[in-house]
């Protein structure tokens, strides 16, 4: 399954670098071609402003805050950007945010979540 044809750049908001690299590899298989990795809300906002993403993946708990805070800050500056939450804390997000992919990451669930993010 591939994502939206024009989507190429992803901002991965994740403070565990091995998980960030896993997300990057799985998204590269879906056709994304460039990536930034941020581990805090401040870094995420700075990276998004410097290189606006076509997609954001965000963990819930990150250095100095949450992925939700990072996404809200980015979207307040740049407008709507599709988001997929990739987290081991899905219980904190369910009912408020979609799509959500639980850790450990299933490649199929991540691909499906990305497709849903672009149809919202």
C-alpha atoms as a PDB file:
ATOM      1  CA  UNK A   1       0.000   0.000   0.000  1.00  0.00           C
ATOM      2  CA  UNK A   2       1.383   3.403  -0.941  1.00  0.00           C
ATOM      3  CA  UNK A   3       0.329   6.807   0.227  1.00  0.00           C
ATOM      4  CA  UNK A   4      -0.756   9.965  -1.514  1.00  0.00           C
ATOM      5  CA  UNK A   5       1.277  10.468  -4.698  1.00  0.00           C
ATOM      6  CA  UNK A   6       2.453  13.985  -3.817  1.00  0.00           C
ATOM      7  CA  UNK A   7       3.440  13.123  -0.241  1.00  0.00           C
ATOM      8  CA  UNK A   8       7.180  12.759   0.080  1.00  0.00           C
ATOM      9  CA  UNK A   9       8.533  14.353   3.278  1.00  0.00           C
ATOM     10  CA  UNK A  10       7.840  13.039   6.787  1.00  0.00           C
ATOM     11  CA  UNK A  11       8.530  14.560  10.182  1.00  0.00           C
ATOM     12  CA  UNK A  12       8.970  11.729  12.693  1.00  0.00           C
ATOM     13  CA  UNK A  13       8.470  12.934  16.263  1.00  0.00           C
ATOM     14  CA  UNK A  14      10.015  10.204  18.399  1.00  0.00           C
ATOM     15  CA  UNK A  15      12.561  10.265  21.228  1.00  0.00           C
ATOM     16  CA  UNK A  16      13.723   6.651  20.830  1.00  0.00           C
ATOM     17  CA  UNK A  17      16.097   6.753  17.849  1.00  0.00           C
ATOM     18  CA  UNK A  18      15.784   3.038  17.007  1.00  0.00           C
ATOM     19  CA  UNK A  19      12.003   3.380  16.825  1.00  0.00           C
ATOM     20  CA  UNK A  20      12.397   6.512  14.687  1.00  0.00           C
ATOM     21  CA  UNK A  21      14.656   4.596  12.291  1.00  0.00           C
ATOM     22  CA  UNK A  22      12.097   1.755  12.138  1.00  0.00           C
ATOM     23  CA  UNK A  23       9.316   4.217  11.275  1.00  0.00           C
ATOM     24  CA  UNK A  24      11.575   5.811   8.649  1.00  0.00           C
ATOM     25  CA  UNK A  25      12.361   2.447   7.036  1.00  0.00           C
ATOM     26  CA  UNK A  26       8.704   1.411   6.961  1.00  0.00           C
ATOM     27  CA  UNK A  27       7.638   4.732   5.448  1.00  0.00           C
ATOM     28  CA  UNK A  28      10.423   4.582   2.863  1.00  0.00           C
ATOM     29  CA  UNK A  29       8.899   1.271   1.736  1.00  0.00           C
ATOM     30  CA  UNK A  30       5.640   3.191   1.197  1.00  0.00           C
ATOM     31  CA  UNK A  31       7.321   5.712  -1.084  1.00  0.00           C
ATOM     32  CA  UNK A  32       8.289   8.556   1.219  1.00  0.00           C
ATOM     33  CA  UNK A  33      11.667   9.944   0.231  1.00  0.00           C
ATOM     34  CA  UNK A  34      12.849  12.378   2.912  1.00  0.00           C
ATOM     35  CA  UNK A  35      12.668  12.455   6.681  1.00  0.00           C
ATOM     36  CA  UNK A  36      13.379  14.646   9.675  1.00  0.00           C
ATOM     37  CA  UNK A  37      13.472  13.191  13.187  1.00  0.00           C
ATOM     38  CA  UNK A  38      12.664  15.360  16.217  1.00  0.00           C
ATOM     39  CA  UNK A  39      12.698  14.275  19.843  1.00  0.00           C
ATOM     40  CA  UNK A  40      10.980  17.278  21.467  1.00  0.00           C
ATOM     41  CA  UNK A  41       8.124  19.677  20.692  1.00  0.00           C
ATOM     42  CA  UNK A  42      10.566  22.568  20.157  1.00  0.00           C
ATOM     43  CA  UNK A  43      12.726  20.577  17.740  1.00  0.00           C
ATOM     44  CA  UNK A  44       9.647  19.323  15.901  1.00  0.00           C
ATOM     45  CA  UNK A  45       8.310  22.843  15.386  1.00  0.00           C
ATOM     46  CA  UNK A  46      11.673  24.174  14.212  1.00  0.00           C
ATOM     47  CA  UNK A  47      12.113  21.307  11.745  1.00  0.00           C
ATOM     48  CA  UNK A  48       8.557  21.617  10.422  1.00  0.00           C
ATOM     49  CA  UNK A  49       8.907  25.345   9.830  1.00  0.00           C
ATOM     50  CA  UNK A  50      12.264  24.845   8.099  1.00  0.00           C
ATOM     51  CA  UNK A  51      11.039  21.947   5.933  1.00  0.00           C
ATOM     52  CA  UNK A  52       7.236  21.556   6.004  1.00  0.00           C
ATOM     53  CA  UNK A  53       6.253  17.878   6.091  1.00  0.00           C
ATOM     54  CA  UNK A  54       3.609  16.132   4.017  1.00  0.00           C
ATOM     55  CA  UNK A  55       3.019  13.736   6.934  1.00  0.00           C
ATOM     56  CA  UNK A  56       3.797  13.748  10.643  1.00  0.00           C
ATOM     57  CA  UNK A  57       4.202  10.648  12.794  1.00  0.00           C
ATOM     58  CA  UNK A  58       4.254  11.345  16.509  1.00  0.00           C
ATOM     59  CA  UNK A  59       4.811   9.399  19.695  1.00  0.00           C
ATOM     60  CA  UNK A  60       2.761  10.474  22.694  1.00  0.00           C
ATOM     61  CA  UNK A  61       5.536  10.820  25.278  1.00  0.00           C
ATOM     62  CA  UNK A  62       8.647  12.638  24.057  1.00  0.00           C
ATOM     63  CA  UNK A  63      11.430  14.732  25.575  1.00  0.00           C
ATOM     64  CA  UNK A  64      10.013  17.868  27.184  1.00  0.00           C
ATOM     65  CA  UNK A  65       6.358  17.218  26.402  1.00  0.00           C
ATOM     66  CA  UNK A  66       4.088  15.218  24.144  1.00  0.00           C
ATOM     67  CA  UNK A  67       3.692  14.559  20.461  1.00  0.00           C
ATOM     68  CA  UNK A  68       0.222  16.081  20.723  1.00  0.00           C
ATOM     69  CA  UNK A  69       1.742  19.378  21.895  1.00  0.00           C
ATOM     70  CA  UNK A  70       4.247  19.251  19.040  1.00  0.00           C
ATOM     71  CA  UNK A  71       1.559  18.555  16.425  1.00  0.00           C
ATOM     72  CA  UNK A  72      -0.685  21.324  17.758  1.00  0.00           C
ATOM     73  CA  UNK A  73       2.191  23.834  17.633  1.00  0.00           C
ATOM     74  CA  UNK A  74       3.091  22.805  14.088  1.00  0.00           C
ATOM     75  CA  UNK A  75      -0.483  22.919  12.824  1.00  0.00           C
ATOM     76  CA  UNK A  76      -1.087  26.308  14.443  1.00  0.00           C
ATOM     77  CA  UNK A  77       1.804  27.656  12.332  1.00  0.00           C
ATOM     78  CA  UNK A  78       1.450  25.635   9.114  1.00  0.00           C
ATOM     79  CA  UNK A  79      -2.181  24.537   8.950  1.00  0.00           C
ATOM     80  CA  UNK A  80      -3.452  20.985   8.631  1.00  0.00           C
ATOM     81  CA  UNK A  81      -0.889  18.270   8.000  1.00  0.00           C
ATOM     82  CA  UNK A  82      -1.884  14.579   8.067  1.00  0.00           C
ATOM     83  CA  UNK A  83      -0.808  12.912  11.335  1.00  0.00           C
ATOM     84  CA  UNK A  84      -0.368   9.316  12.467  1.00  0.00           C
ATOM     85  CA  UNK A  85       0.297   8.724  16.147  1.00  0.00           C
ATOM     86  CA  UNK A  86       2.751   5.836  16.652  1.00  0.00           C
ATOM     87  CA  UNK A  87       2.840   5.110  20.363  1.00  0.00           C
ATOM     88  CA  UNK A  88       2.955   2.673  23.221  1.00  0.00           C
ATOM     89  CA  UNK A  89       0.522   4.972  25.026  1.00  0.00           C
ATOM     90  CA  UNK A  90      -2.476   4.609  22.747  1.00  0.00           C
ATOM     91  CA  UNK A  91      -4.800   4.645  25.760  1.00  0.00           C
ATOM     92  CA  UNK A  92      -3.882   8.331  26.236  1.00  0.00           C
ATOM     93  CA  UNK A  93      -5.010   9.151  22.681  1.00  0.00           C
ATOM     94  CA  UNK A  94      -7.928   6.864  21.865  1.00  0.00           C
ATOM     95  CA  UNK A  95     -11.167   8.703  21.352  1.00  0.00           C
ATOM     96  CA  UNK A  96      -9.387  12.025  20.797  1.00  0.00           C
ATOM     97  CA  UNK A  97      -7.026  11.377  17.897  1.00  0.00           C
ATOM     98  CA  UNK A  98      -6.908   9.082  14.879  1.00  0.00           C
ATOM     99  CA  UNK A  99      -5.220   7.269  13.300  1.00  0.00           C
ATOM    100  CA  UNK A 100      -3.154   5.535  15.980  1.00  0.00           C
ATOM    101  CA  UNK A 101      -0.621   2.733  15.527  1.00  0.00           C
ATOM    102  CA  UNK A 102       0.374   0.765  18.609  1.00  0.00           C
ATOM    103  CA  UNK A 103       3.963  -0.201  19.358  1.00  0.00           C
ATOM    104  CA  UNK A 104       5.424  -2.628  18.500  1.00  0.00           C
ATOM    105  CA  UNK A 105       4.735  -1.362  15.001  1.00  0.00           C
ATOM    106  CA  UNK A 106       2.958  -3.522  12.458  1.00  0.00           C
ATOM    107  CA  UNK A 107       4.030  -2.506   8.928  1.00  0.00           C
ATOM    108  CA  UNK A 108       0.504  -3.213   7.647  1.00  0.00           C
ATOM    109  CA  UNK A 109      -1.137  -1.128  10.407  1.00  0.00           C
ATOM    110  CA  UNK A 110       1.240   1.762   9.732  1.00  0.00           C
ATOM    111  CA  UNK A 111       0.484   1.678   5.995  1.00  0.00           C
ATOM    112  CA  UNK A 112      -3.275   1.571   6.676  1.00  0.00           C
ATOM    113  CA  UNK A 113      -3.014   4.430   9.173  1.00  0.00           C
ATOM    114  CA  UNK A 114      -1.099   6.565   6.681  1.00  0.00           C
ATOM    115  CA  UNK A 115      -3.734   5.951   4.036  1.00  0.00           C
ATOM    116  CA  UNK A 116      -6.449   6.970   6.536  1.00  0.00           C
ATOM    117  CA  UNK A 117      -4.512  10.106   7.516  1.00  0.00           C
ATOM    118  CA  UNK A 118      -4.560  11.320   3.902  1.00  0.00           C
ATOM    119  CA  UNK A 119      -8.311  10.742   3.520  1.00  0.00           C
ATOM    120  CA  UNK A 120      -9.289  12.807   6.578  1.00  0.00           C
END
